[in-house]
Amino acid sequence: MSDVADLALILFLPWFAILGALYWFYPRTLARSPERRRFDVAALCLAFLASFLAGRWGFAIASTTIEAGPIWRQVLASLLAYKAFLVVIACAWAWRGFKFGAR
């Protein structure tokens, strides 16, 4: 059953890779230091972990008795996984700008 629960995450992996690459390379005006790279790696790992956990949680709590049918579990897992990834990346983007932008 875990492979079915992780389907949302597997389907989003290419999009997460694109968003992660955009996060990693932009903005180009920030200084690139080992400290920033460690921060970026930690943020991307945290975003992936949050997405994994949110997808699993969404799959577990979704009721299969609503009119949408059994597909609702995958839909809710996908929605929560995507939102969790975006929230972590957006927060990290803002925090990175404050932390490494003013030098």
C-alpha atoms as a PDB file:
ATOM      1  CA  MET A   1       0.000   0.000   0.000  1.00  0.00           C
ATOM      2  CA  SER A   2       2.906   2.386   0.516  1.00  0.00           C
ATOM      3  CA  ASP A   3       3.582   2.498  -3.226  1.00  0.00           C
ATOM      4  CA  VAL A   4      -0.007   3.629  -3.838  1.00  0.00           C
ATOM      5  CA  ALA A   5       0.266   6.255  -1.093  1.00  0.00           C
ATOM      6  CA  ASP A   6       3.466   7.624  -2.638  1.00  0.00           C
ATOM      7  CA  LEU A   7       2.042   7.903  -6.148  1.00  0.00           C
ATOM      8  CA  ALA A   8       1.373  11.621  -5.687  1.00  0.00           C
ATOM      9  CA  LEU A   9       4.981  12.223  -4.724  1.00  0.00           C
ATOM     10  CA  ILE A  10       6.316  10.136  -7.603  1.00  0.00           C
ATOM     11  CA  LEU A  11       4.189  12.028 -10.113  1.00  0.00           C
ATOM     12  CA  PHE A  12       5.352  15.386  -8.756  1.00  0.00           C
ATOM     13  CA  LEU A  13       9.077  14.540  -8.713  1.00  0.00           C
ATOM     14  CA  PRO A  14       9.834  16.117 -12.130  1.00  0.00           C
ATOM     15  CA  TRP A  15       8.007  19.303 -11.160  1.00  0.00           C
ATOM     16  CA  PHE A  16       9.736  19.358  -7.771  1.00  0.00           C
ATOM     17  CA  ALA A  17      13.074  19.014  -9.574  1.00  0.00           C
ATOM     18  CA  ILE A  18      12.263  22.036 -11.751  1.00  0.00           C
ATOM     19  CA  LEU A  19      11.140  24.125  -8.773  1.00  0.00           C
ATOM     20  CA  GLY A  20      14.179  22.994  -6.789  1.00  0.00           C
ATOM     21  CA  ALA A  21      16.515  23.982  -9.631  1.00  0.00           C
ATOM     22  CA  LEU A  22      14.891  27.409  -9.879  1.00  0.00           C
ATOM     23  CA  TYR A  23      15.278  27.833  -6.127  1.00  0.00           C
ATOM     24  CA  TRP A  24      18.918  26.738  -6.316  1.00  0.00           C
ATOM     25  CA  PHE A  25      19.989  29.031  -9.175  1.00  0.00           C
ATOM     26  CA  TYR A  26      17.935  32.191  -8.575  1.00  0.00           C
ATOM     27  CA  PRO A  27      18.376  34.968  -7.661  1.00  0.00           C
ATOM     28  CA  ARG A  28      21.843  35.182  -9.096  1.00  0.00           C
ATOM     29  CA  THR A  29      22.616  38.388  -7.215  1.00  0.00           C
ATOM     30  CA  LEU A  30      23.037  36.616  -3.862  1.00  0.00           C
ATOM     31  CA  ALA A  31      26.563  35.708  -2.869  1.00  0.00           C
ATOM     32  CA  ARG A  32      27.333  32.015  -3.297  1.00  0.00           C
ATOM     33  CA  SER A  33      29.070  30.749  -0.230  1.00  0.00           C
ATOM     34  CA  PRO A  34      29.344  27.340   1.401  1.00  0.00           C
ATOM     35  CA  GLU A  35      26.962  28.559   4.100  1.00  0.00           C
ATOM     36  CA  ARG A  36      24.333  29.449   1.490  1.00  0.00           C
ATOM     37  CA  ARG A  37      24.768  26.085  -0.231  1.00  0.00           C
ATOM     38  CA  ARG A  38      24.241  24.265   3.062  1.00  0.00           C
ATOM     39  CA  PHE A  39      21.149  26.372   3.671  1.00  0.00           C
ATOM     40  CA  ASP A  40      19.817  25.579   0.188  1.00  0.00           C
ATOM     41  CA  VAL A  41      20.444  21.844   0.553  1.00  0.00           C
ATOM     42  CA  ALA A  42      18.738  21.833   3.944  1.00  0.00           C
ATOM     43  CA  ALA A  43      15.754  23.773   2.560  1.00  0.00           C
ATOM     44  CA  LEU A  44      15.331  21.421  -0.394  1.00  0.00           C
ATOM     45  CA  CYS A  45      15.606  18.342   1.823  1.00  0.00           C
ATOM     46  CA  LEU A  46      13.088  19.828   4.248  1.00  0.00           C
ATOM     47  CA  ALA A  47      10.714  20.645   1.369  1.00  0.00           C
ATOM     48  CA  PHE A  48      10.919  17.093   0.051  1.00  0.00           C
ATOM     49  CA  LEU A  49      10.407  15.622   3.516  1.00  0.00           C
ATOM     50  CA  ALA A  50       7.432  17.914   4.190  1.00  0.00           C
ATOM     51  CA  SER A  51       5.937  16.924   0.845  1.00  0.00           C
ATOM     52  CA  PHE A  52       6.411  13.227   1.565  1.00  0.00           C
ATOM     53  CA  LEU A  53       4.827  13.487   5.005  1.00  0.00           C
ATOM     54  CA  ALA A  54       1.942  15.675   3.820  1.00  0.00           C
ATOM     55  CA  GLY A  55       1.174  13.258   0.986  1.00  0.00           C
ATOM     56  CA  ARG A  56       1.195  10.294   3.316  1.00  0.00           C
ATOM     57  CA  TRP A  57      -0.989  12.123   5.828  1.00  0.00           C
ATOM     58  CA  GLY A  58      -3.449  13.214   3.119  1.00  0.00           C
ATOM     59  CA  PHE A  59      -3.716   9.676   1.802  1.00  0.00           C
ATOM     60  CA  ALA A  60      -4.326   8.351   5.310  1.00  0.00           C
ATOM     61  CA  ILE A  61      -7.008  10.845   6.358  1.00  0.00           C
ATOM     62  CA  ALA A  62      -8.976  10.998   3.116  1.00  0.00           C
ATOM     63  CA  SER A  63     -12.396   9.495   3.436  1.00  0.00           C
ATOM     64  CA  THR A  64     -13.235   7.015   0.719  1.00  0.00           C
ATOM     65  CA  THR A  65     -16.947   7.404   1.363  1.00  0.00           C
ATOM     66  CA  ILE A  66     -17.398  10.815  -0.283  1.00  0.00           C
ATOM     67  CA  GLU A  67     -18.901  11.054  -3.757  1.00  0.00           C
ATOM     68  CA  ALA A  68     -15.548  11.476  -5.491  1.00  0.00           C
ATOM     69  CA  GLY A  69     -14.816   7.808  -4.944  1.00  0.00           C
ATOM     70  CA  PRO A  70     -11.516   6.154  -4.162  1.00  0.00           C
ATOM     71  CA  ILE A  71      -9.559   8.590  -6.340  1.00  0.00           C
ATOM     72  CA  TRP A  72     -10.130  11.226  -3.653  1.00  0.00           C
ATOM     73  CA  ARG A  73      -7.295   9.735  -1.599  1.00  0.00           C
ATOM     74  CA  GLN A  74      -4.801  10.401  -4.400  1.00  0.00           C
ATOM     75  CA  VAL A  75      -6.218  13.858  -5.075  1.00  0.00           C
ATOM     76  CA  LEU A  76      -5.932  14.939  -1.445  1.00  0.00           C
ATOM     77  CA  ALA A  77      -2.454  13.439  -1.145  1.00  0.00           C
ATOM     78  CA  SER A  78      -1.358  15.324  -4.280  1.00  0.00           C
ATOM     79  CA  LEU A  79      -2.815  18.621  -3.110  1.00  0.00           C
ATOM     80  CA  LEU A  80      -1.200  18.433   0.298  1.00  0.00           C
ATOM     81  CA  ALA A  81       2.153  17.238  -1.029  1.00  0.00           C
ATOM     82  CA  TYR A  82       2.330  20.072  -3.547  1.00  0.00           C
ATOM     83  CA  LYS A  83       1.274  22.726  -1.047  1.00  0.00           C
ATOM     84  CA  ALA A  84       3.764  21.521   1.555  1.00  0.00           C
ATOM     85  CA  PHE A  85       6.616  21.698  -0.958  1.00  0.00           C
ATOM     86  CA  LEU A  86       5.640  25.187  -2.091  1.00  0.00           C
ATOM     87  CA  VAL A  87       5.223  26.534   1.435  1.00  0.00           C
ATOM     88  CA  VAL A  88       8.657  25.329   2.527  1.00  0.00           C
ATOM     89  CA  ILE A  89      10.360  26.622  -0.634  1.00  0.00           C
ATOM     90  CA  ALA A  90       8.608  30.017  -0.401  1.00  0.00           C
ATOM     91  CA  CYS A  91       9.572  30.421   3.256  1.00  0.00           C
ATOM     92  CA  ALA A  92      13.147  29.352   2.538  1.00  0.00           C
ATOM     93  CA  TRP A  93      13.338  31.770  -0.417  1.00  0.00           C
ATOM     94  CA  ALA A  94      12.266  34.685   1.766  1.00  0.00           C
ATOM     95  CA  TRP A  95      14.488  33.661   4.677  1.00  0.00           C
ATOM     96  CA  ARG A  96      17.460  33.204   2.354  1.00  0.00           C
ATOM     97  CA  GLY A  97      16.936  36.710   0.987  1.00  0.00           C
ATOM     98  CA  PHE A  98      17.033  38.203   4.483  1.00  0.00           C
ATOM     99  CA  LYS A  99      19.912  36.030   5.644  1.00  0.00           C
ATOM    100  CA  PHE A 100      22.252  36.304   2.657  1.00  0.00           C
ATOM    101  CA  GLY A 101      20.987  39.372   0.789  1.00  0.00           C
ATOM    102  CA  ALA A 102      22.173  42.261   2.944  1.00  0.00           C
ATOM    103  CA  ARG A 103      25.953  42.091   3.059  1.00  0.00           C
END
